[in-house]
N, C-alpha and C. Protein backbone atom coordinates (compact mmCIF):
# COMPACT_ATOMS: atom_id res chain seq x y z
N MET A 1 0.82 -1.24 0.04
CA MET A 1 -0.02 0.03 0.02
C MET A 1 0.89 1.26 0.04
N GLY A 2 0.41 2.25 -0.84
CA GLY A 2 1.11 3.50 -0.87
C GLY A 2 0.90 4.36 0.47
N ALA A 3 1.48 5.46 0.45
CA ALA A 3 1.37 6.45 1.61
C ALA A 3 -0.08 6.84 1.90
N GLY A 4 -0.82 7.15 0.78
CA GLY A 4 -2.18 7.62 0.86
C GLY A 4 -3.32 6.63 0.69
N GLU A 5 -2.93 5.37 0.62
CA GLU A 5 -3.89 4.37 0.41
C GLU A 5 -4.29 3.78 1.80
N ARG A 6 -5.57 3.45 1.78
CA ARG A 6 -6.34 2.85 2.92
C ARG A 6 -6.77 1.38 2.62
N PRO A 7 -6.89 0.55 3.61
CA PRO A 7 -7.39 -0.72 3.27
C PRO A 7 -8.85 -0.61 2.58
N LEU A 8 -9.00 -1.58 1.74
CA LEU A 8 -10.29 -1.53 0.90
C LEU A 8 -11.53 -1.44 1.74
N SER A 9 -11.51 -2.03 3.00
CA SER A 9 -12.58 -2.11 3.86
C SER A 9 -12.91 -0.78 4.36
N GLU A 10 -11.92 0.14 4.31
CA GLU A 10 -12.09 1.59 4.85
C GLU A 10 -12.47 2.52 3.75
N VAL A 11 -12.44 2.11 2.54
CA VAL A 11 -12.67 3.03 1.40
C VAL A 11 -14.33 3.27 1.27
N LYS A 12 -14.67 4.53 1.16
CA LYS A 12 -16.16 4.80 1.05
C LYS A 12 -16.33 5.04 -0.41
N PHE A 13 -17.32 4.38 -1.07
CA PHE A 13 -17.65 4.34 -2.44
C PHE A 13 -18.90 5.16 -2.59
N LEU A 14 -18.96 6.05 -3.56
CA LEU A 14 -20.16 6.84 -3.74
C LEU A 14 -20.87 6.50 -5.08
N THR A 15 -22.03 6.62 -5.24
CA THR A 15 -22.79 6.44 -6.52
C THR A 15 -22.45 7.50 -7.42
N VAL A 16 -22.93 7.45 -8.65
CA VAL A 16 -22.77 8.48 -9.65
C VAL A 16 -23.54 9.65 -9.28
N ALA A 17 -24.76 9.41 -8.76
CA ALA A 17 -25.65 10.56 -8.25
C ALA A 17 -25.09 11.16 -7.11
N GLU A 18 -24.49 10.44 -6.19
CA GLU A 18 -23.81 11.14 -5.04
C GLU A 18 -22.57 12.00 -5.47
N VAL A 19 -21.91 11.39 -6.32
CA VAL A 19 -20.76 12.20 -6.93
C VAL A 19 -21.19 13.49 -7.63
N ALA A 20 -22.25 13.39 -8.39
CA ALA A 20 -22.81 14.60 -9.08
C ALA A 20 -23.33 15.60 -8.10
N ALA A 21 -23.89 15.15 -7.03
CA ALA A 21 -24.43 16.08 -5.89
C ALA A 21 -23.26 16.86 -5.29
N VAL A 22 -22.12 16.11 -4.98
CA VAL A 22 -20.96 16.63 -4.27
C VAL A 22 -20.27 17.71 -5.27
N MET A 23 -20.20 17.27 -6.51
CA MET A 23 -19.49 18.24 -7.47
C MET A 23 -20.34 19.29 -8.08
N ARG A 24 -21.66 19.17 -7.69
CA ARG A 24 -22.78 20.09 -8.29
C ARG A 24 -22.69 20.11 -9.89
N VAL A 25 -22.67 18.85 -10.35
CA VAL A 25 -22.69 18.67 -11.87
C VAL A 25 -23.69 17.59 -12.12
N SER A 26 -24.11 17.49 -13.34
CA SER A 26 -25.04 16.37 -13.76
C SER A 26 -24.34 15.02 -13.72
N LYS A 27 -25.27 14.10 -13.74
CA LYS A 27 -24.74 12.66 -13.68
C LYS A 27 -24.12 12.27 -14.99
N MET A 28 -24.51 12.91 -16.11
CA MET A 28 -23.81 12.67 -17.36
C MET A 28 -22.31 13.23 -17.27
N THR A 29 -22.08 14.30 -16.54
CA THR A 29 -20.81 14.78 -16.56
C THR A 29 -19.86 13.84 -15.77
N VAL A 30 -20.45 13.21 -14.67
CA VAL A 30 -19.70 12.24 -13.96
C VAL A 30 -19.40 11.03 -14.84
N TYR A 31 -20.36 10.49 -15.54
CA TYR A 31 -20.27 9.46 -16.52
C TYR A 31 -19.01 9.68 -17.49
N ARG A 32 -19.14 11.01 -17.99
CA ARG A 32 -17.98 11.35 -18.87
C ARG A 32 -16.63 11.25 -18.30
N LEU A 33 -16.47 11.77 -17.02
CA LEU A 33 -15.28 11.76 -16.30
C LEU A 33 -14.83 10.38 -16.04
N VAL A 34 -15.70 9.40 -15.81
CA VAL A 34 -15.45 8.02 -15.47
C VAL A 34 -14.93 7.38 -16.80
N HIS A 35 -15.72 7.54 -17.91
CA HIS A 35 -15.40 7.00 -19.12
C HIS A 35 -14.06 7.43 -19.78
N SER A 36 -13.78 8.74 -19.41
CA SER A 36 -12.52 9.27 -20.02
C SER A 36 -11.32 8.95 -19.12
N GLY A 37 -11.52 8.32 -18.01
CA GLY A 37 -10.46 8.00 -17.13
C GLY A 37 -10.01 8.95 -16.20
N GLU A 38 -10.55 10.22 -16.13
CA GLU A 38 -10.24 11.33 -15.36
C GLU A 38 -10.72 11.08 -13.92
N LEU A 39 -11.65 10.25 -13.78
CA LEU A 39 -12.27 9.93 -12.39
C LEU A 39 -12.19 8.41 -12.28
N PRO A 40 -11.42 7.84 -11.39
CA PRO A 40 -11.48 6.32 -11.31
C PRO A 40 -12.71 5.79 -10.76
N ALA A 41 -13.16 4.59 -11.13
CA ALA A 41 -14.34 4.03 -10.47
C ALA A 41 -14.23 2.65 -10.84
N ILE A 42 -15.14 1.90 -10.10
CA ILE A 42 -15.34 0.48 -10.24
C ILE A 42 -16.74 0.15 -10.80
N ARG A 43 -16.88 -0.95 -11.60
CA ARG A 43 -18.12 -1.32 -12.02
C ARG A 43 -18.78 -2.26 -11.12
N VAL A 44 -19.93 -2.04 -10.65
CA VAL A 44 -20.70 -3.02 -9.81
C VAL A 44 -22.04 -3.34 -10.58
N GLY A 45 -22.07 -4.45 -11.23
CA GLY A 45 -23.26 -4.71 -12.01
C GLY A 45 -23.27 -3.72 -13.19
N ARG A 46 -24.41 -3.05 -13.27
CA ARG A 46 -24.56 -2.10 -14.46
C ARG A 46 -24.21 -0.75 -13.99
N SER A 47 -23.75 -0.63 -12.81
CA SER A 47 -23.56 0.85 -12.24
C SER A 47 -22.10 0.99 -11.79
N PHE A 48 -21.74 2.25 -11.60
CA PHE A 48 -20.42 2.59 -11.18
C PHE A 48 -20.38 2.97 -9.77
N ARG A 49 -19.28 2.73 -9.12
CA ARG A 49 -19.01 3.33 -7.79
C ARG A 49 -17.67 4.04 -7.81
N VAL A 50 -17.59 5.21 -7.20
CA VAL A 50 -16.36 6.00 -7.25
C VAL A 50 -15.84 6.18 -5.75
N PRO A 51 -14.63 5.92 -5.54
CA PRO A 51 -14.02 6.18 -4.31
C PRO A 51 -14.18 7.59 -3.91
N GLU A 52 -14.68 7.85 -2.62
CA GLU A 52 -14.84 9.22 -2.19
C GLU A 52 -13.53 10.07 -2.19
N GLN A 53 -12.54 9.47 -1.97
CA GLN A 53 -11.23 10.12 -1.84
C GLN A 53 -10.79 10.62 -3.32
N ALA A 54 -11.21 9.81 -4.32
CA ALA A 54 -10.98 10.20 -5.67
C ALA A 54 -11.71 11.44 -6.09
N VAL A 55 -12.91 11.66 -5.60
CA VAL A 55 -13.63 12.79 -5.95
C VAL A 55 -12.95 13.98 -5.33
N HIS A 56 -12.51 13.84 -4.00
CA HIS A 56 -11.89 15.00 -3.39
C HIS A 56 -10.59 15.37 -4.12
N ASP A 57 -9.82 14.25 -4.56
CA ASP A 57 -8.46 14.53 -5.28
C ASP A 57 -8.74 15.18 -6.57
N TYR A 58 -9.78 14.77 -7.26
CA TYR A 58 -10.10 15.41 -8.62
C TYR A 58 -10.44 16.85 -8.43
N LEU A 59 -11.23 17.15 -7.36
CA LEU A 59 -11.70 18.54 -7.13
C LEU A 59 -10.50 19.48 -6.73
N ARG A 60 -9.63 18.86 -6.01
CA ARG A 60 -8.40 19.56 -5.48
C ARG A 60 -7.47 19.88 -6.64
N ASP A 61 -7.28 18.89 -7.48
CA ASP A 61 -6.46 19.08 -8.64
C ASP A 61 -7.01 20.09 -9.63
N ALA A 62 -8.28 19.92 -9.87
CA ALA A 62 -8.88 20.85 -10.80
C ALA A 62 -8.83 22.33 -10.23
N PHE A 63 -9.03 22.47 -9.00
CA PHE A 63 -9.10 23.75 -8.38
C PHE A 63 -7.64 24.43 -8.56
N ILE A 64 -6.68 23.63 -8.33
CA ILE A 64 -5.22 24.19 -8.46
C ILE A 64 -4.91 24.58 -9.92
N GLU A 65 -5.37 23.71 -10.79
CA GLU A 65 -5.17 24.03 -12.29
C GLU A 65 -6.05 25.37 -12.71
N ALA A 66 -7.08 25.57 -12.16
CA ALA A 66 -7.92 26.76 -12.44
C ALA A 66 -7.31 28.02 -11.92
N GLY A 67 -6.51 27.91 -10.79
CA GLY A 67 -6.03 29.02 -10.08
C GLY A 67 -4.68 29.50 -10.83
């Protein structure tokens, strides 16, 4: 495990709808980010789950780039 990684049992996964609410964007935008590889996700059946930390990392990195 790397320095920032947690055991899988401690990782909180969010649905696409939850990610969209946190980021204040549409679900389609979240799907685009997942399919482009900008936002890591795992597939569970026909839906995706995004690690909560990945959302925070994405927003932090996007904020720094915009500044």
